[in-house]
Amino acid sequence: RGIAYVPSVDMLFAAPLVADAVLMINSRTNVTDITTLAGLGTALFKWWGIAYASSVDMVFAAPHNADAVLMINPRTNVTDTTTLSGLGVVGSKWRGIAYAP
């Protein structure tokens, strides 16, 4: 749930709550992409909430049922679910995330 705007690439990113992929939206052309950041699994309620951290130019999604924070590099379009992992697969851990510069 939620959407994060990344000004460095002029794109919007939506966390995959149930979807297998991050929804990417080009805010200039209104074109969507659900294939570039795909392969994240079909489990329910994986990540709930998403925020852009300008200090590191990264997008972070809070794990609701997932075992890890979803990290997205918006410049390389690479996801990372190993750096901030080991949080357990029990449900309803976190809902939402915020960044304050």
N, C-alpha and C. Protein backbone atom coordinates (compact mmCIF):
# COMPACT_ATOMS: atom_id res chain seq x y z
N ARG A 1 0.83 -1.18 0.00
CA ARG A 1 0.00 0.00 0.00
C ARG A 1 0.87 1.23 0.00
N GLY A 2 0.47 2.17 -0.74
CA GLY A 2 1.21 3.41 -0.80
C GLY A 2 2.02 3.50 -2.07
N ILE A 3 2.58 4.69 -2.27
CA ILE A 3 3.36 4.94 -3.47
C ILE A 3 4.45 5.94 -3.11
N ALA A 4 5.62 5.80 -3.71
CA ALA A 4 6.73 6.70 -3.43
C ALA A 4 7.19 7.35 -4.73
N TYR A 5 7.40 8.65 -4.69
CA TYR A 5 7.92 9.37 -5.85
C TYR A 5 9.43 9.52 -5.70
N VAL A 6 10.16 9.20 -6.77
CA VAL A 6 11.62 9.31 -6.77
C VAL A 6 12.00 10.37 -7.81
N PRO A 7 12.34 11.57 -7.35
CA PRO A 7 12.62 12.66 -8.29
C PRO A 7 13.86 12.43 -9.15
N SER A 8 14.83 11.67 -8.66
CA SER A 8 16.06 11.47 -9.43
C SER A 8 15.82 10.73 -10.73
N VAL A 9 14.74 9.94 -10.79
CA VAL A 9 14.40 9.22 -12.02
C VAL A 9 12.99 9.57 -12.51
N ASP A 10 12.32 10.48 -11.82
CA ASP A 10 10.97 10.94 -12.17
C ASP A 10 10.00 9.77 -12.32
N MET A 11 10.05 8.85 -11.34
CA MET A 11 9.22 7.65 -11.36
C MET A 11 8.48 7.50 -10.03
N LEU A 12 7.35 6.81 -10.11
CA LEU A 12 6.59 6.42 -8.93
C LEU A 12 6.74 4.91 -8.73
N PHE A 13 6.84 4.49 -7.48
CA PHE A 13 6.99 3.07 -7.16
C PHE A 13 5.92 2.68 -6.15
N ALA A 14 5.24 1.54 -6.39
CA ALA A 14 4.24 1.02 -5.47
C ALA A 14 4.70 -0.35 -4.97
N ALA A 15 4.62 -0.56 -3.67
CA ALA A 15 5.06 -1.81 -3.06
C ALA A 15 4.11 -2.96 -3.43
N PRO A 16 4.66 -4.15 -3.65
CA PRO A 16 3.82 -5.31 -3.97
C PRO A 16 3.23 -5.95 -2.71
N LEU A 17 2.00 -5.59 -2.42
CA LEU A 17 1.31 -6.17 -1.27
C LEU A 17 0.95 -7.62 -1.57
N VAL A 18 0.34 -7.86 -2.74
CA VAL A 18 -0.02 -9.20 -3.17
C VAL A 18 0.63 -9.52 -4.51
N ALA A 19 0.94 -8.53 -5.30
CA ALA A 19 1.52 -8.70 -6.63
C ALA A 19 2.92 -9.31 -6.55
N ASP A 20 3.37 -9.83 -7.67
CA ASP A 20 4.69 -10.42 -7.81
C ASP A 20 5.75 -9.37 -8.14
N ALA A 21 5.32 -8.15 -8.43
CA ALA A 21 6.25 -7.12 -8.91
C ALA A 21 5.95 -5.76 -8.29
N VAL A 22 6.96 -4.93 -8.28
CA VAL A 22 6.80 -3.53 -7.92
C VAL A 22 6.15 -2.84 -9.12
N LEU A 23 5.15 -2.03 -8.87
CA LEU A 23 4.54 -1.23 -9.93
C LEU A 23 5.36 0.04 -10.10
N MET A 24 5.86 0.23 -11.32
CA MET A 24 6.62 1.44 -11.64
C MET A 24 5.77 2.28 -12.59
N ILE A 25 5.72 3.58 -12.32
CA ILE A 25 4.95 4.49 -13.16
C ILE A 25 5.85 5.64 -13.59
N ASN A 26 5.97 5.82 -14.89
CA ASN A 26 6.72 6.96 -15.41
C ASN A 26 5.79 8.16 -15.34
N SER A 27 6.12 9.12 -14.50
CA SER A 27 5.23 10.25 -14.28
C SER A 27 5.20 11.24 -15.45
N ARG A 28 6.14 11.14 -16.35
CA ARG A 28 6.13 12.01 -17.54
C ARG A 28 5.26 11.45 -18.65
N THR A 29 5.30 10.13 -18.81
CA THR A 29 4.59 9.50 -19.94
C THR A 29 3.34 8.74 -19.53
N ASN A 30 3.14 8.58 -18.21
CA ASN A 30 2.01 7.79 -17.68
C ASN A 30 2.05 6.34 -18.16
N VAL A 31 3.25 5.80 -18.34
CA VAL A 31 3.44 4.40 -18.73
C VAL A 31 3.75 3.59 -17.47
N THR A 32 3.11 2.43 -17.34
CA THR A 32 3.35 1.56 -16.20
C THR A 32 4.26 0.40 -16.59
N ASP A 33 4.93 -0.16 -15.58
CA ASP A 33 5.85 -1.28 -15.79
C ASP A 33 5.71 -2.23 -14.61
N ILE A 34 5.35 -3.49 -14.90
CA ILE A 34 5.29 -4.51 -13.85
C ILE A 34 6.18 -5.70 -14.18
N THR A 35 7.15 -5.48 -15.06
CA THR A 35 8.07 -6.57 -15.42
C THR A 35 9.50 -6.32 -14.97
N THR A 36 9.93 -5.08 -14.87
CA THR A 36 11.32 -4.78 -14.54
C THR A 36 11.69 -5.24 -13.13
N LEU A 37 10.83 -4.99 -12.16
CA LEU A 37 11.10 -5.36 -10.77
C LEU A 37 10.15 -6.47 -10.35
N ALA A 38 10.18 -7.58 -11.08
CA ALA A 38 9.28 -8.71 -10.85
C ALA A 38 10.03 -9.87 -10.19
N GLY A 39 9.28 -10.94 -9.92
CA GLY A 39 9.88 -12.13 -9.32
C GLY A 39 9.94 -12.08 -7.81
N LEU A 40 9.05 -11.31 -7.19
CA LEU A 40 9.08 -11.15 -5.74
C LEU A 40 8.14 -12.10 -5.01
N GLY A 41 7.52 -13.00 -5.74
CA GLY A 41 6.69 -14.02 -5.10
C GLY A 41 5.22 -13.65 -5.07
N THR A 42 4.41 -14.68 -4.82
CA THR A 42 2.96 -14.48 -4.83
C THR A 42 2.33 -14.58 -3.45
N ALA A 43 3.13 -14.58 -2.42
CA ALA A 43 2.59 -14.61 -1.06
C ALA A 43 1.73 -13.37 -0.82
N LEU A 44 0.82 -13.49 0.11
CA LEU A 44 -0.08 -12.38 0.42
C LEU A 44 0.54 -11.41 1.41
N PHE A 45 0.26 -10.15 1.22
CA PHE A 45 0.63 -9.08 2.15
C PHE A 45 2.13 -9.03 2.46
N LYS A 46 2.93 -9.07 1.40
CA LYS A 46 4.39 -9.09 1.55
C LYS A 46 4.91 -7.78 2.14
N TRP A 47 4.73 -6.68 1.42
CA TRP A 47 5.21 -5.38 1.87
C TRP A 47 4.05 -4.40 1.89
N TRP A 48 4.00 -3.61 2.96
CA TRP A 48 2.88 -2.69 3.15
C TRP A 48 3.45 -1.33 3.54
N GLY A 49 3.52 -0.45 2.58
CA GLY A 49 4.10 0.87 2.79
C GLY A 49 5.43 1.00 2.08
N ILE A 50 5.67 2.17 1.54
CA ILE A 50 6.88 2.40 0.75
C ILE A 50 7.32 3.85 0.91
N ALA A 51 8.62 4.07 0.95
CA ALA A 51 9.14 5.43 1.12
C ALA A 51 10.47 5.57 0.37
N TYR A 52 10.70 6.77 -0.12
CA TYR A 52 11.95 7.09 -0.79
C TYR A 52 12.87 7.83 0.18
N ALA A 53 14.10 7.35 0.32
CA ALA A 53 15.10 8.00 1.17
C ALA A 53 16.09 8.73 0.27
N SER A 54 15.93 10.03 0.19
CA SER A 54 16.77 10.81 -0.73
C SER A 54 18.24 10.81 -0.32
N SER A 55 18.53 10.63 0.95
CA SER A 55 19.92 10.66 1.41
C SER A 55 20.75 9.52 0.83
N VAL A 56 20.10 8.42 0.49
CA VAL A 56 20.80 7.28 -0.09
C VAL A 56 20.26 6.91 -1.47
N ASP A 57 19.29 7.69 -1.96
CA ASP A 57 18.66 7.46 -3.26
C ASP A 57 18.16 6.02 -3.40
N MET A 58 17.43 5.58 -2.37
CA MET A 58 16.89 4.22 -2.34
C MET A 58 15.43 4.27 -1.91
N VAL A 59 14.69 3.25 -2.32
CA VAL A 59 13.29 3.10 -1.92
C VAL A 59 13.23 1.90 -0.97
N PHE A 60 12.45 2.05 0.10
CA PHE A 60 12.31 0.99 1.10
C PHE A 60 10.83 0.67 1.29
N ALA A 61 10.51 -0.63 1.38
CA ALA A 61 9.14 -1.06 1.65
C ALA A 61 9.14 -1.88 2.93
N ALA A 62 8.17 -1.58 3.80
CA ALA A 62 8.08 -2.25 5.10
C ALA A 62 7.53 -3.66 4.96
N PRO A 63 8.15 -4.63 5.63
CA PRO A 63 7.67 -6.02 5.55
C PRO A 63 6.45 -6.24 6.44
N HIS A 64 5.35 -6.60 5.80
CA HIS A 64 4.14 -6.93 6.57
C HIS A 64 4.17 -8.44 6.89
N ASN A 65 4.25 -9.26 5.87
CA ASN A 65 4.43 -10.71 6.07
C ASN A 65 5.78 -11.19 5.56
N ALA A 66 6.47 -10.37 4.79
CA ALA A 66 7.78 -10.75 4.24
C ALA A 66 8.82 -10.84 5.34
N ASP A 67 9.89 -11.55 5.06
CA ASP A 67 10.98 -11.74 6.01
C ASP A 67 12.00 -10.60 5.97
N ALA A 68 11.88 -9.71 4.99
CA ALA A 68 12.90 -8.67 4.80
C ALA A 68 12.28 -7.36 4.36
N VAL A 69 13.00 -6.29 4.61
CA VAL A 69 12.67 -4.99 4.03
C VAL A 69 12.99 -5.09 2.54
N LEU A 70 12.08 -4.62 1.71
CA LEU A 70 12.34 -4.57 0.27
C LEU A 70 13.07 -3.28 -0.04
N MET A 71 14.27 -3.41 -0.58
CA MET A 71 15.06 -2.25 -0.97
C MET A 71 15.11 -2.19 -2.49
N ILE A 72 14.92 -0.99 -3.03
CA ILE A 72 14.91 -0.79 -4.47
C ILE A 72 15.89 0.32 -4.82
N ASN A 73 16.81 0.01 -5.72
CA ASN A 73 17.70 1.03 -6.25
C ASN A 73 17.03 1.58 -7.51
N PRO A 74 16.51 2.81 -7.47
CA PRO A 74 15.76 3.33 -8.60
C PRO A 74 16.62 3.67 -9.82
N ARG A 75 17.92 3.81 -9.63
CA ARG A 75 18.80 4.12 -10.77
C ARG A 75 19.19 2.87 -11.56
N THR A 76 19.32 1.74 -10.84
CA THR A 76 19.71 0.50 -11.51
C THR A 76 18.55 -0.47 -11.68
N ASN A 77 17.41 -0.15 -11.05
CA ASN A 77 16.23 -1.03 -11.08
C ASN A 77 16.57 -2.43 -10.57
N VAL A 78 17.20 -2.47 -9.42
CA VAL A 78 17.56 -3.72 -8.76
C VAL A 78 16.89 -3.75 -7.39
N THR A 79 16.31 -4.91 -7.05
CA THR A 79 15.72 -5.08 -5.73
C THR A 79 16.67 -5.88 -4.84
N ASP A 80 16.54 -5.66 -3.53
CA ASP A 80 17.38 -6.36 -2.55
C ASP A 80 16.48 -6.79 -1.40
N THR A 81 16.42 -8.08 -1.15
CA THR A 81 15.68 -8.60 0.00
C THR A 81 16.60 -9.40 0.93
N THR A 82 17.89 -9.15 0.85
CA THR A 82 18.83 -9.89 1.70
C THR A 82 19.54 -8.99 2.72
N THR A 83 19.75 -7.73 2.40
CA THR A 83 20.50 -6.85 3.29
C THR A 83 19.80 -6.65 4.63
N LEU A 84 18.52 -6.38 4.61
CA LEU A 84 17.74 -6.16 5.83
C LEU A 84 16.73 -7.29 5.99
N SER A 85 17.24 -8.49 6.24
CA SER A 85 16.39 -9.68 6.30
C SER A 85 16.46 -10.34 7.68
N GLY A 86 15.78 -11.47 7.78
CA GLY A 86 15.77 -12.21 9.04
C GLY A 86 14.74 -11.67 10.03
N LEU A 87 13.70 -11.05 9.52
CA LEU A 87 12.69 -10.44 10.38
C LEU A 87 11.53 -11.37 10.69
N GLY A 88 11.55 -12.56 10.13
CA GLY A 88 10.50 -13.54 10.40
C GLY A 88 9.33 -13.42 9.43
N VAL A 89 8.64 -14.52 9.25
CA VAL A 89 7.52 -14.54 8.30
C VAL A 89 6.17 -14.49 9.01
N VAL A 90 6.15 -14.22 10.29
CA VAL A 90 4.87 -14.06 10.98
C VAL A 90 4.15 -12.86 10.38
N GLY A 91 2.86 -12.93 10.33
CA GLY A 91 2.08 -11.89 9.68
C GLY A 91 1.90 -10.62 10.49
N SER A 92 1.57 -9.59 9.78
CA SER A 92 1.19 -8.30 10.36
C SER A 92 2.28 -7.66 11.21
N LYS A 93 3.52 -7.69 10.71
CA LYS A 93 4.63 -7.08 11.46
C LYS A 93 4.55 -5.56 11.44
N TRP A 94 4.61 -4.98 10.24
CA TRP A 94 4.59 -3.51 10.11
C TRP A 94 3.66 -3.11 8.99
N ARG A 95 3.05 -1.95 9.14
CA ARG A 95 2.21 -1.34 8.11
C ARG A 95 2.62 0.09 7.96
N GLY A 96 3.38 0.35 6.93
CA GLY A 96 3.78 1.72 6.65
C GLY A 96 5.23 1.98 6.98
N ILE A 97 5.72 3.02 6.37
CA ILE A 97 7.11 3.42 6.54
C ILE A 97 7.19 4.90 6.16
N ALA A 98 8.10 5.62 6.76
CA ALA A 98 8.24 7.05 6.47
C ALA A 98 9.71 7.42 6.45
N TYR A 99 10.03 8.46 5.71
CA TYR A 99 11.39 8.98 5.68
C TYR A 99 11.34 10.45 6.04
N ALA A 100 12.19 10.85 6.94
CA ALA A 100 12.29 12.25 7.32
C ALA A 100 13.74 12.69 7.13
N PRO A 101 13.98 13.58 6.17
CA PRO A 101 15.38 14.01 5.91
C PRO A 101 15.97 14.78 7.07
